[in-house]
N, C-alpha and C. Protein backbone atom coordinates (compact mmCIF):
# COMPACT_ATOMS: atom_id res chain seq x y z
N UNK A 1 11.23 23.27 -8.25
CA UNK A 1 11.27 22.16 -9.17
C UNK A 1 12.63 21.46 -9.03
N UNK A 2 12.58 20.15 -9.21
CA UNK A 2 13.81 19.38 -9.19
C UNK A 2 13.65 18.21 -10.15
N UNK A 3 14.76 17.59 -10.50
CA UNK A 3 14.74 16.51 -11.48
C UNK A 3 14.95 15.16 -10.81
N UNK A 4 14.16 14.18 -11.24
CA UNK A 4 14.35 12.78 -10.86
C UNK A 4 14.29 12.00 -12.16
N UNK A 5 15.40 11.43 -12.58
CA UNK A 5 15.44 10.73 -13.86
C UNK A 5 15.02 11.67 -14.97
N UNK A 6 14.06 11.25 -15.78
CA UNK A 6 13.58 12.07 -16.89
C UNK A 6 12.29 12.79 -16.52
N UNK A 7 12.16 13.16 -15.25
CA UNK A 7 10.99 13.92 -14.81
C UNK A 7 11.43 15.21 -14.12
N UNK A 8 10.62 16.22 -14.27
CA UNK A 8 10.78 17.48 -13.53
C UNK A 8 9.62 17.49 -12.54
N UNK A 9 9.94 17.56 -11.26
CA UNK A 9 8.96 17.39 -10.20
C UNK A 9 8.75 18.69 -9.43
N UNK A 10 7.51 19.03 -9.21
CA UNK A 10 7.18 20.20 -8.41
C UNK A 10 7.42 19.89 -6.93
N UNK A 11 8.01 20.83 -6.24
CA UNK A 11 8.25 20.65 -4.80
C UNK A 11 6.95 20.55 -4.01
N UNK A 12 5.86 21.01 -4.60
CA UNK A 12 4.56 20.92 -3.92
C UNK A 12 4.20 19.49 -3.55
N UNK A 13 4.60 18.50 -4.34
CA UNK A 13 4.22 17.13 -4.00
C UNK A 13 4.96 16.63 -2.76
N UNK A 14 6.06 17.32 -2.41
CA UNK A 14 6.77 16.99 -1.18
C UNK A 14 6.28 17.84 -0.01
N UNK A 15 5.89 19.07 -0.29
CA UNK A 15 5.58 20.04 0.76
C UNK A 15 4.10 20.11 1.15
N UNK A 16 3.21 19.80 0.23
CA UNK A 16 1.78 19.86 0.51
C UNK A 16 1.29 18.53 1.05
N UNK A 17 0.26 18.57 1.89
CA UNK A 17 -0.31 17.37 2.49
C UNK A 17 -1.64 17.04 1.83
N UNK A 18 -1.95 15.73 1.80
CA UNK A 18 -3.18 15.31 1.12
C UNK A 18 -3.52 13.88 1.52
N UNK A 19 -4.75 13.66 1.94
CA UNK A 19 -5.31 12.31 2.12
C UNK A 19 -6.77 12.41 1.67
N UNK A 20 -7.11 11.68 0.64
CA UNK A 20 -8.47 11.73 0.10
C UNK A 20 -9.46 11.50 1.24
N UNK A 21 -10.44 12.38 1.32
CA UNK A 21 -11.47 12.30 2.35
C UNK A 21 -12.81 12.08 1.65
N UNK A 22 -12.99 10.89 1.14
CA UNK A 22 -14.17 10.57 0.32
C UNK A 22 -15.48 10.73 1.10
N UNK A 23 -15.43 10.58 2.42
CA UNK A 23 -16.64 10.78 3.22
C UNK A 23 -17.10 12.23 3.18
N UNK A 24 -16.16 13.15 3.00
CA UNK A 24 -16.51 14.57 2.95
C UNK A 24 -16.89 15.01 1.53
N UNK A 25 -16.13 14.58 0.53
CA UNK A 25 -16.36 15.09 -0.83
C UNK A 25 -17.32 14.22 -1.64
N UNK A 26 -17.54 12.97 -1.19
CA UNK A 26 -18.45 12.04 -1.87
C UNK A 26 -18.02 11.71 -3.30
N UNK A 27 -16.68 11.79 -3.57
CA UNK A 27 -16.18 11.43 -4.89
C UNK A 27 -16.47 12.48 -5.96
N UNK A 28 -16.56 13.71 -5.54
CA UNK A 28 -16.92 14.82 -6.43
C UNK A 28 -16.01 14.92 -7.65
N UNK A 29 -14.74 14.51 -7.54
CA UNK A 29 -13.81 14.62 -8.66
C UNK A 29 -14.24 13.77 -9.85
N UNK A 30 -15.04 12.76 -9.62
CA UNK A 30 -15.50 11.89 -10.71
C UNK A 30 -16.77 12.40 -11.39
N UNK A 31 -17.38 13.41 -10.79
CA UNK A 31 -18.64 13.92 -11.36
C UNK A 31 -18.59 15.42 -11.66
N UNK A 32 -17.48 16.05 -11.35
CA UNK A 32 -17.30 17.47 -11.66
C UNK A 32 -16.18 17.62 -12.69
N UNK A 33 -16.11 18.76 -13.26
CA UNK A 33 -15.04 19.03 -14.20
C UNK A 33 -15.57 19.19 -15.61
N UNK A 34 -14.67 19.47 -16.50
CA UNK A 34 -15.05 19.76 -17.88
C UNK A 34 -14.56 18.69 -18.85
N UNK A 35 -13.87 17.68 -18.34
CA UNK A 35 -13.31 16.65 -19.21
C UNK A 35 -13.31 15.31 -18.48
N UNK A 36 -13.19 14.25 -19.26
CA UNK A 36 -13.08 12.93 -18.67
C UNK A 36 -11.68 12.73 -18.11
N UNK A 37 -11.48 11.59 -17.47
CA UNK A 37 -10.15 11.28 -16.93
C UNK A 37 -9.18 11.03 -18.07
N UNK A 38 -7.98 11.62 -18.00
CA UNK A 38 -6.99 11.36 -19.05
C UNK A 38 -6.64 9.87 -19.10
N UNK A 39 -6.47 9.37 -20.32
CA UNK A 39 -6.09 7.98 -20.53
C UNK A 39 -4.80 7.92 -21.33
N UNK A 40 -3.91 7.02 -20.93
CA UNK A 40 -2.70 6.79 -21.71
C UNK A 40 -3.04 5.87 -22.86
N UNK A 41 -2.27 5.95 -23.93
CA UNK A 41 -2.55 5.14 -25.11
C UNK A 41 -2.59 3.65 -24.78
N UNK A 42 -1.68 3.19 -23.94
CA UNK A 42 -1.65 1.76 -23.57
C UNK A 42 -2.91 1.35 -22.81
N UNK A 43 -3.55 2.30 -22.14
CA UNK A 43 -4.75 1.99 -21.38
C UNK A 43 -5.97 1.77 -22.27
N UNK A 44 -5.94 2.28 -23.48
CA UNK A 44 -7.07 2.13 -24.39
C UNK A 44 -7.33 0.66 -24.70
N UNK A 45 -6.26 -0.09 -24.96
CA UNK A 45 -6.39 -1.52 -25.24
C UNK A 45 -6.94 -2.25 -24.03
N UNK A 46 -6.42 -1.92 -22.85
CA UNK A 46 -6.93 -2.53 -21.61
C UNK A 46 -8.42 -2.25 -21.44
N UNK A 47 -8.80 -1.01 -21.65
CA UNK A 47 -10.20 -0.63 -21.49
C UNK A 47 -11.09 -1.41 -22.47
N UNK A 48 -10.63 -1.54 -23.71
CA UNK A 48 -11.42 -2.28 -24.70
C UNK A 48 -11.54 -3.76 -24.32
N UNK A 49 -10.45 -4.35 -23.83
CA UNK A 49 -10.46 -5.76 -23.45
C UNK A 49 -11.33 -6.02 -22.21
N UNK A 50 -11.28 -5.09 -21.25
CA UNK A 50 -11.93 -5.32 -19.96
C UNK A 50 -13.36 -4.78 -19.89
N UNK A 51 -13.76 -3.97 -20.85
CA UNK A 51 -15.08 -3.35 -20.80
C UNK A 51 -16.22 -4.37 -20.65
N UNK A 52 -16.20 -5.51 -21.34
CA UNK A 52 -17.31 -6.45 -21.15
C UNK A 52 -17.46 -6.93 -19.70
N UNK A 53 -16.37 -6.96 -18.95
CA UNK A 53 -16.43 -7.37 -17.54
C UNK A 53 -16.86 -6.21 -16.64
N UNK A 54 -16.47 -4.99 -17.02
CA UNK A 54 -16.81 -3.79 -16.24
C UNK A 54 -18.27 -3.39 -16.46
N UNK A 55 -18.75 -3.55 -17.68
CA UNK A 55 -20.07 -3.06 -18.10
C UNK A 55 -21.22 -3.45 -17.17
N UNK A 56 -21.31 -4.72 -16.70
CA UNK A 56 -22.43 -5.07 -15.83
C UNK A 56 -22.47 -4.30 -14.50
N UNK A 57 -21.36 -3.72 -14.10
CA UNK A 57 -21.31 -2.95 -12.85
C UNK A 57 -21.72 -1.49 -13.04
N UNK A 58 -21.83 -1.06 -14.27
CA UNK A 58 -22.08 0.35 -14.59
C UNK A 58 -23.56 0.73 -14.52
N UNK A 59 -23.80 2.02 -14.38
CA UNK A 59 -25.15 2.56 -14.45
C UNK A 59 -25.60 2.57 -15.90
N UNK A 60 -26.90 2.56 -16.10
CA UNK A 60 -27.47 2.60 -17.45
C UNK A 60 -27.02 3.85 -18.20
N UNK A 61 -26.95 4.98 -17.52
CA UNK A 61 -26.56 6.24 -18.16
C UNK A 61 -25.12 6.17 -18.69
N UNK A 62 -24.24 5.51 -17.95
CA UNK A 62 -22.86 5.36 -18.39
C UNK A 62 -22.75 4.46 -19.60
N UNK A 63 -23.50 3.37 -19.60
CA UNK A 63 -23.50 2.46 -20.75
C UNK A 63 -24.04 3.17 -21.99
N UNK A 64 -25.11 3.95 -21.82
CA UNK A 64 -25.70 4.71 -22.93
C UNK A 64 -24.70 5.71 -23.50
N UNK A 65 -24.00 6.42 -22.61
CA UNK A 65 -23.02 7.41 -23.05
C UNK A 65 -21.93 6.74 -23.89
N UNK A 66 -21.48 5.57 -23.45
CA UNK A 66 -20.45 4.84 -24.20
C UNK A 66 -21.01 4.33 -25.52
N UNK A 67 -22.23 3.84 -25.51
CA UNK A 67 -22.87 3.39 -26.76
C UNK A 67 -22.96 4.54 -27.77
N UNK A 68 -23.25 5.74 -27.29
CA UNK A 68 -23.45 6.89 -28.17
C UNK A 68 -22.14 7.57 -28.58
N UNK A 69 -21.16 7.66 -27.64
CA UNK A 69 -19.95 8.44 -27.89
C UNK A 69 -18.70 7.59 -28.11
N UNK A 70 -18.75 6.34 -27.70
CA UNK A 70 -17.57 5.49 -27.77
C UNK A 70 -17.01 5.24 -26.39
N UNK A 71 -16.13 4.27 -26.29
CA UNK A 71 -15.56 3.85 -25.01
C UNK A 71 -14.65 4.92 -24.42
N UNK A 72 -14.06 5.73 -25.28
CA UNK A 72 -13.22 6.86 -24.83
C UNK A 72 -13.32 7.94 -25.90
N UNK A 73 -12.91 9.13 -25.53
CA UNK A 73 -12.95 10.26 -26.44
C UNK A 73 -11.54 10.70 -26.78
N UNK A 74 -11.38 11.33 -27.93
CA UNK A 74 -10.11 11.95 -28.31
C UNK A 74 -10.38 13.45 -28.40
N UNK A 75 -9.72 14.20 -27.53
CA UNK A 75 -9.90 15.64 -27.48
C UNK A 75 -8.54 16.30 -27.63
N UNK A 76 -8.38 17.09 -28.67
CA UNK A 76 -7.10 17.75 -28.95
C UNK A 76 -5.95 16.76 -28.96
N UNK A 77 -6.18 15.58 -29.52
CA UNK A 77 -5.13 14.58 -29.64
C UNK A 77 -4.87 13.78 -28.37
N UNK A 78 -5.61 14.07 -27.32
CA UNK A 78 -5.46 13.36 -26.03
C UNK A 78 -6.68 12.47 -25.82
N UNK A 79 -6.48 11.37 -25.11
CA UNK A 79 -7.57 10.44 -24.82
C UNK A 79 -8.13 10.69 -23.43
N UNK A 80 -9.45 10.52 -23.30
CA UNK A 80 -10.07 10.67 -21.98
C UNK A 80 -11.32 9.80 -21.91
N UNK A 81 -11.77 9.54 -20.68
CA UNK A 81 -12.98 8.75 -20.50
C UNK A 81 -14.19 9.53 -21.00
N UNK A 82 -15.19 8.80 -21.42
CA UNK A 82 -16.44 9.36 -21.89
C UNK A 82 -17.21 9.97 -20.72
N UNK A 83 -17.93 11.03 -20.99
CA UNK A 83 -18.75 11.69 -19.96
C UNK A 83 -20.23 11.48 -20.23
N UNK A 84 -21.01 11.50 -19.17
CA UNK A 84 -22.47 11.47 -19.26
C UNK A 84 -22.94 12.92 -19.27
N UNK A 85 -23.54 13.34 -20.37
CA UNK A 85 -24.06 14.70 -20.51
C UNK A 85 -23.00 15.76 -20.16
N UNK A 86 -21.75 15.51 -20.52
CA UNK A 86 -20.68 16.48 -20.28
C UNK A 86 -20.31 16.67 -18.83
N UNK A 87 -20.68 15.71 -17.96
CA UNK A 87 -20.45 15.88 -16.53
C UNK A 87 -19.81 14.65 -15.91
N UNK A 88 -20.61 13.70 -15.43
CA UNK A 88 -20.10 12.50 -14.75
C UNK A 88 -19.26 11.65 -15.70
N UNK A 89 -18.20 11.07 -15.17
CA UNK A 89 -17.46 10.05 -15.92
C UNK A 89 -18.43 8.89 -16.17
N UNK A 90 -18.36 8.31 -17.34
CA UNK A 90 -19.27 7.20 -17.68
C UNK A 90 -19.10 6.01 -16.75
N UNK A 91 -17.96 5.89 -16.10
CA UNK A 91 -17.69 4.74 -15.23
C UNK A 91 -18.09 4.97 -13.77
N UNK A 92 -18.69 6.13 -13.49
CA UNK A 92 -19.11 6.44 -12.12
C UNK A 92 -20.32 5.58 -11.74
N UNK A 93 -20.22 5.02 -10.55
CA UNK A 93 -21.34 4.33 -9.90
C UNK A 93 -21.49 4.95 -8.52
N UNK A 94 -22.59 4.72 -7.85
CA UNK A 94 -22.81 5.30 -6.53
C UNK A 94 -23.08 4.20 -5.52
N UNK A 95 -22.49 4.35 -4.32
CA UNK A 95 -22.75 3.37 -3.26
C UNK A 95 -24.00 3.77 -2.49
N UNK A 96 -24.31 3.03 -1.43
CA UNK A 96 -25.52 3.27 -0.64
C UNK A 96 -25.54 4.63 0.04
N UNK A 97 -24.38 5.28 0.18
CA UNK A 97 -24.29 6.61 0.78
C UNK A 97 -24.26 7.72 -0.27
N UNK A 98 -24.55 7.34 -1.52
CA UNK A 98 -24.51 8.27 -2.65
C UNK A 98 -23.12 8.85 -2.89
N UNK A 99 -22.11 8.06 -2.59
CA UNK A 99 -20.72 8.44 -2.86
C UNK A 99 -20.33 7.88 -4.21
N UNK A 100 -19.73 8.73 -5.05
CA UNK A 100 -19.28 8.31 -6.37
C UNK A 100 -18.09 7.36 -6.24
N UNK A 101 -18.18 6.27 -6.94
CA UNK A 101 -17.11 5.26 -7.00
C UNK A 101 -16.85 4.98 -8.47
N UNK A 102 -15.83 4.18 -8.74
CA UNK A 102 -15.44 3.84 -10.10
C UNK A 102 -15.79 2.39 -10.40
N UNK A 103 -16.53 2.16 -11.47
CA UNK A 103 -16.90 0.80 -11.85
C UNK A 103 -15.65 -0.02 -12.23
N UNK A 104 -14.65 0.64 -12.80
CA UNK A 104 -13.41 -0.06 -13.14
C UNK A 104 -12.75 -0.56 -11.86
N UNK A 105 -12.62 0.33 -10.87
CA UNK A 105 -11.99 -0.04 -9.62
C UNK A 105 -12.82 -1.07 -8.86
N UNK A 106 -14.13 -0.97 -8.96
CA UNK A 106 -15.00 -1.95 -8.31
C UNK A 106 -14.78 -3.34 -8.91
N UNK A 107 -14.66 -3.43 -10.24
CA UNK A 107 -14.38 -4.71 -10.89
C UNK A 107 -13.02 -5.25 -10.43
N UNK A 108 -12.05 -4.36 -10.27
CA UNK A 108 -10.72 -4.75 -9.76
C UNK A 108 -10.83 -5.26 -8.32
N UNK A 109 -11.52 -4.50 -7.48
CA UNK A 109 -11.68 -4.88 -6.07
C UNK A 109 -12.39 -6.22 -5.90
N UNK A 110 -13.28 -6.54 -6.83
CA UNK A 110 -14.00 -7.82 -6.80
C UNK A 110 -13.17 -8.95 -7.41
N UNK A 111 -11.96 -8.65 -7.88
CA UNK A 111 -11.09 -9.66 -8.46
C UNK A 111 -11.48 -10.07 -9.87
N UNK A 112 -12.29 -9.26 -10.53
CA UNK A 112 -12.76 -9.60 -11.88
C UNK A 112 -11.79 -9.17 -12.98
N UNK A 113 -10.99 -8.13 -12.70
CA UNK A 113 -10.03 -7.63 -13.69
C UNK A 113 -8.70 -7.33 -12.99
N UNK A 114 -7.58 -7.33 -13.74
CA UNK A 114 -6.27 -7.08 -13.13
C UNK A 114 -5.84 -5.61 -13.12
N UNK A 115 -6.67 -4.72 -13.64
CA UNK A 115 -6.32 -3.30 -13.79
C UNK A 115 -7.12 -2.48 -12.79
N UNK A 116 -6.42 -1.72 -11.93
CA UNK A 116 -7.10 -0.98 -10.87
C UNK A 116 -7.99 0.16 -11.39
N UNK A 117 -7.42 0.99 -12.24
CA UNK A 117 -8.13 2.13 -12.83
C UNK A 117 -7.11 2.91 -13.66
N UNK A 118 -7.55 3.88 -14.44
CA UNK A 118 -6.59 4.68 -15.20
C UNK A 118 -5.55 5.31 -14.27
N UNK A 119 -4.32 5.36 -14.74
CA UNK A 119 -3.23 5.89 -13.90
C UNK A 119 -3.49 7.34 -13.51
N UNK A 120 -4.15 8.11 -14.36
CA UNK A 120 -4.42 9.52 -14.01
C UNK A 120 -5.32 9.61 -12.78
N UNK A 121 -6.27 8.68 -12.65
CA UNK A 121 -7.16 8.66 -11.48
C UNK A 121 -6.40 8.18 -10.25
N UNK A 122 -5.57 7.17 -10.44
CA UNK A 122 -4.81 6.60 -9.33
C UNK A 122 -3.81 7.61 -8.78
N UNK A 123 -3.24 8.44 -9.65
CA UNK A 123 -2.25 9.43 -9.23
C UNK A 123 -2.85 10.67 -8.57
N UNK A 124 -4.14 10.91 -8.76
CA UNK A 124 -4.70 12.19 -8.32
C UNK A 124 -4.46 12.42 -6.82
N UNK A 125 -3.96 13.59 -6.42
CA UNK A 125 -3.94 14.90 -7.05
C UNK A 125 -2.67 15.22 -7.84
N UNK A 126 -1.88 14.23 -8.16
CA UNK A 126 -0.70 14.45 -8.99
C UNK A 126 -1.12 14.34 -10.45
N UNK A 127 -0.66 15.28 -11.24
CA UNK A 127 -0.90 15.26 -12.69
C UNK A 127 0.45 15.18 -13.39
N UNK A 128 0.53 14.32 -14.40
CA UNK A 128 1.76 14.14 -15.17
C UNK A 128 1.50 14.63 -16.59
N UNK A 129 2.37 15.50 -17.06
CA UNK A 129 2.30 15.98 -18.44
C UNK A 129 3.56 15.50 -19.15
N UNK A 130 3.36 14.74 -20.21
CA UNK A 130 4.50 14.21 -20.96
C UNK A 130 4.91 15.19 -22.05
N UNK A 131 6.22 15.47 -22.09
CA UNK A 131 6.82 16.27 -23.14
C UNK A 131 7.82 15.38 -23.87
N UNK A 132 8.40 15.87 -24.93
CA UNK A 132 9.30 15.06 -25.73
C UNK A 132 10.50 14.56 -24.91
N UNK A 133 11.11 15.42 -24.15
CA UNK A 133 12.35 15.09 -23.43
C UNK A 133 12.16 14.70 -21.96
N UNK A 134 11.01 15.02 -21.40
CA UNK A 134 10.80 14.76 -19.98
C UNK A 134 9.30 14.73 -19.67
N UNK A 135 8.98 14.36 -18.44
CA UNK A 135 7.60 14.42 -17.94
C UNK A 135 7.57 15.40 -16.77
N UNK A 136 6.55 16.23 -16.72
CA UNK A 136 6.37 17.17 -15.61
C UNK A 136 5.42 16.53 -14.60
N UNK A 137 5.83 16.50 -13.35
CA UNK A 137 5.04 15.89 -12.28
C UNK A 137 4.62 17.01 -11.34
N UNK A 138 3.31 17.32 -11.33
CA UNK A 138 2.81 18.47 -10.58
C UNK A 138 1.66 18.10 -9.66
N UNK A 139 1.49 18.91 -8.65
CA UNK A 139 0.36 18.80 -7.73
C UNK A 139 -0.77 19.66 -8.26
N UNK A 140 -1.95 19.08 -8.41
CA UNK A 140 -3.12 19.80 -8.91
C UNK A 140 -4.01 20.19 -7.74
N UNK A 141 -4.23 21.48 -7.60
CA UNK A 141 -5.12 21.97 -6.54
C UNK A 141 -6.52 22.13 -7.10
N UNK A 142 -7.50 21.69 -6.31
CA UNK A 142 -8.90 21.80 -6.73
C UNK A 142 -9.71 22.07 -5.47
N UNK A 143 -10.57 23.05 -5.49
CA UNK A 143 -11.33 23.46 -4.30
C UNK A 143 -12.11 22.31 -3.69
N UNK A 144 -12.59 21.38 -4.50
CA UNK A 144 -13.38 20.27 -3.94
C UNK A 144 -12.54 19.34 -3.07
N UNK A 145 -11.21 19.52 -3.11
CA UNK A 145 -10.31 18.66 -2.32
C UNK A 145 -9.81 19.35 -1.04
N UNK A 146 -10.45 20.43 -0.64
CA UNK A 146 -10.01 21.13 0.58
C UNK A 146 -10.04 20.21 1.80
N UNK A 147 -11.06 19.35 1.89
CA UNK A 147 -11.12 18.41 3.02
C UNK A 147 -9.97 17.41 2.98
N UNK A 148 -9.54 17.03 1.80
CA UNK A 148 -8.40 16.12 1.65
C UNK A 148 -7.11 16.81 2.09
N UNK A 149 -6.99 18.08 1.79
CA UNK A 149 -5.81 18.84 2.23
C UNK A 149 -5.79 18.97 3.75
N UNK A 150 -6.96 19.24 4.32
CA UNK A 150 -7.05 19.36 5.79
C UNK A 150 -6.73 18.03 6.47
N UNK A 151 -7.28 16.93 5.94
CA UNK A 151 -7.01 15.62 6.53
C UNK A 151 -5.54 15.25 6.37
N UNK A 152 -4.97 15.54 5.23
CA UNK A 152 -3.54 15.28 5.01
C UNK A 152 -2.68 16.04 5.99
N UNK A 153 -3.04 17.30 6.23
CA UNK A 153 -2.28 18.13 7.17
C UNK A 153 -2.43 17.57 8.59
N UNK A 154 -3.65 17.18 8.95
CA UNK A 154 -3.90 16.62 10.27
C UNK A 154 -3.10 15.32 10.49
N UNK A 155 -3.05 14.49 9.45
CA UNK A 155 -2.34 13.20 9.55
C UNK A 155 -0.87 13.30 9.18
N UNK A 156 -0.45 14.49 8.69
CA UNK A 156 0.95 14.74 8.29
C UNK A 156 1.39 13.78 7.18
N UNK A 157 0.58 13.71 6.11
CA UNK A 157 0.88 12.84 4.97
C UNK A 157 1.10 13.72 3.73
N UNK A 158 2.36 13.83 3.29
CA UNK A 158 2.60 14.61 2.08
C UNK A 158 2.01 13.91 0.85
N UNK A 159 1.73 14.70 -0.17
CA UNK A 159 1.13 14.20 -1.40
C UNK A 159 1.86 12.98 -1.92
N UNK A 160 3.21 13.04 -2.01
CA UNK A 160 3.95 11.94 -2.61
C UNK A 160 3.79 10.63 -1.84
N UNK A 161 3.57 10.71 -0.54
CA UNK A 161 3.34 9.48 0.23
C UNK A 161 1.92 8.96 0.02
N UNK A 162 0.96 9.88 -0.11
CA UNK A 162 -0.42 9.47 -0.35
C UNK A 162 -0.54 8.71 -1.68
N UNK A 163 0.19 9.13 -2.69
CA UNK A 163 0.10 8.49 -4.01
C UNK A 163 1.30 7.57 -4.29
N UNK A 164 1.93 7.06 -3.27
CA UNK A 164 3.12 6.23 -3.43
C UNK A 164 2.88 5.06 -4.39
N UNK A 165 1.83 4.29 -4.17
CA UNK A 165 1.55 3.12 -5.02
C UNK A 165 1.40 3.54 -6.49
N UNK A 166 0.71 4.63 -6.73
CA UNK A 166 0.49 5.10 -8.10
C UNK A 166 1.78 5.62 -8.73
N UNK A 167 2.60 6.34 -7.95
CA UNK A 167 3.88 6.83 -8.47
C UNK A 167 4.79 5.66 -8.84
N UNK A 168 4.81 4.63 -8.02
CA UNK A 168 5.61 3.44 -8.33
C UNK A 168 5.05 2.76 -9.58
N UNK A 169 3.75 2.67 -9.67
CA UNK A 169 3.11 2.09 -10.86
C UNK A 169 3.50 2.87 -12.11
N UNK A 170 3.55 4.18 -12.03
CA UNK A 170 3.84 5.04 -13.18
C UNK A 170 5.33 5.07 -13.53
N UNK A 171 6.18 5.27 -12.51
CA UNK A 171 7.59 5.53 -12.77
C UNK A 171 8.55 4.44 -12.29
N UNK A 172 8.08 3.53 -11.45
CA UNK A 172 8.93 2.45 -10.95
C UNK A 172 9.46 2.72 -9.55
N UNK A 173 9.88 1.64 -8.91
CA UNK A 173 10.34 1.71 -7.51
C UNK A 173 11.64 2.52 -7.37
N UNK A 174 12.55 2.37 -8.32
CA UNK A 174 13.83 3.10 -8.25
C UNK A 174 13.57 4.60 -8.32
N UNK A 175 12.67 5.02 -9.20
CA UNK A 175 12.32 6.43 -9.31
C UNK A 175 11.75 6.93 -7.98
N UNK A 176 10.83 6.15 -7.39
CA UNK A 176 10.21 6.57 -6.14
C UNK A 176 11.24 6.67 -5.02
N UNK A 177 12.17 5.73 -4.95
CA UNK A 177 13.22 5.78 -3.94
C UNK A 177 14.08 7.03 -4.09
N UNK A 178 14.35 7.43 -5.34
CA UNK A 178 15.10 8.68 -5.57
C UNK A 178 14.28 9.89 -5.12
N UNK A 179 12.97 9.84 -5.33
CA UNK A 179 12.09 10.91 -4.87
C UNK A 179 12.12 11.00 -3.35
N UNK A 180 12.06 9.86 -2.68
CA UNK A 180 12.13 9.85 -1.20
C UNK A 180 13.45 10.43 -0.70
N UNK A 181 14.55 10.13 -1.37
CA UNK A 181 15.85 10.68 -0.97
C UNK A 181 15.86 12.19 -1.10
N UNK A 182 15.25 12.68 -2.17
CA UNK A 182 15.15 14.13 -2.34
C UNK A 182 14.31 14.73 -1.23
N UNK A 183 13.19 14.09 -0.91
CA UNK A 183 12.32 14.57 0.16
C UNK A 183 13.07 14.61 1.49
N UNK A 184 13.84 13.57 1.78
CA UNK A 184 14.60 13.50 3.03
C UNK A 184 15.66 14.59 3.09
N UNK A 185 16.26 14.93 1.95
CA UNK A 185 17.32 15.93 1.94
C UNK A 185 16.77 17.36 2.06
N UNK A 186 15.48 17.52 1.72
CA UNK A 186 14.87 18.85 1.84
C UNK A 186 14.31 19.00 3.24
């Protein structure tokens, strides 16, 4: 572990390799798990404002889940995306190859909204836990991402480089440059 600004960073994000291999996993991270995607409080307002534009791109099951449970859930004081029957994220859509995609990101890619997707999704496999005095920045290992680890190793792309855009979005360019300096010194 090392410190960058007000964050404590796991060395795993510098040492482990990762490149999402969606052709292999088919977006399994959006349809597996026990909870929705974590949402930051500031993202709740964005989600409420942009939902009318995102909604037409969604599956009927996702719209129903939101109608029944709400646009987001609060679990143990934390916010997360709504799930369909406790499984798929409500915003999951499928392409012609049956690969899970995000309706929020699809709306962004089509130029309909200015928000790419929740930062927790954009950062994955990095997870950030906020504490009173600092934020912990860790690499999350999940068996369904083994192909992403293999591809990252083959392409020699460390986790922090794979999620560069998201890390800059979360912490800023100066923070990321300090992270790169630490990586270079190790």
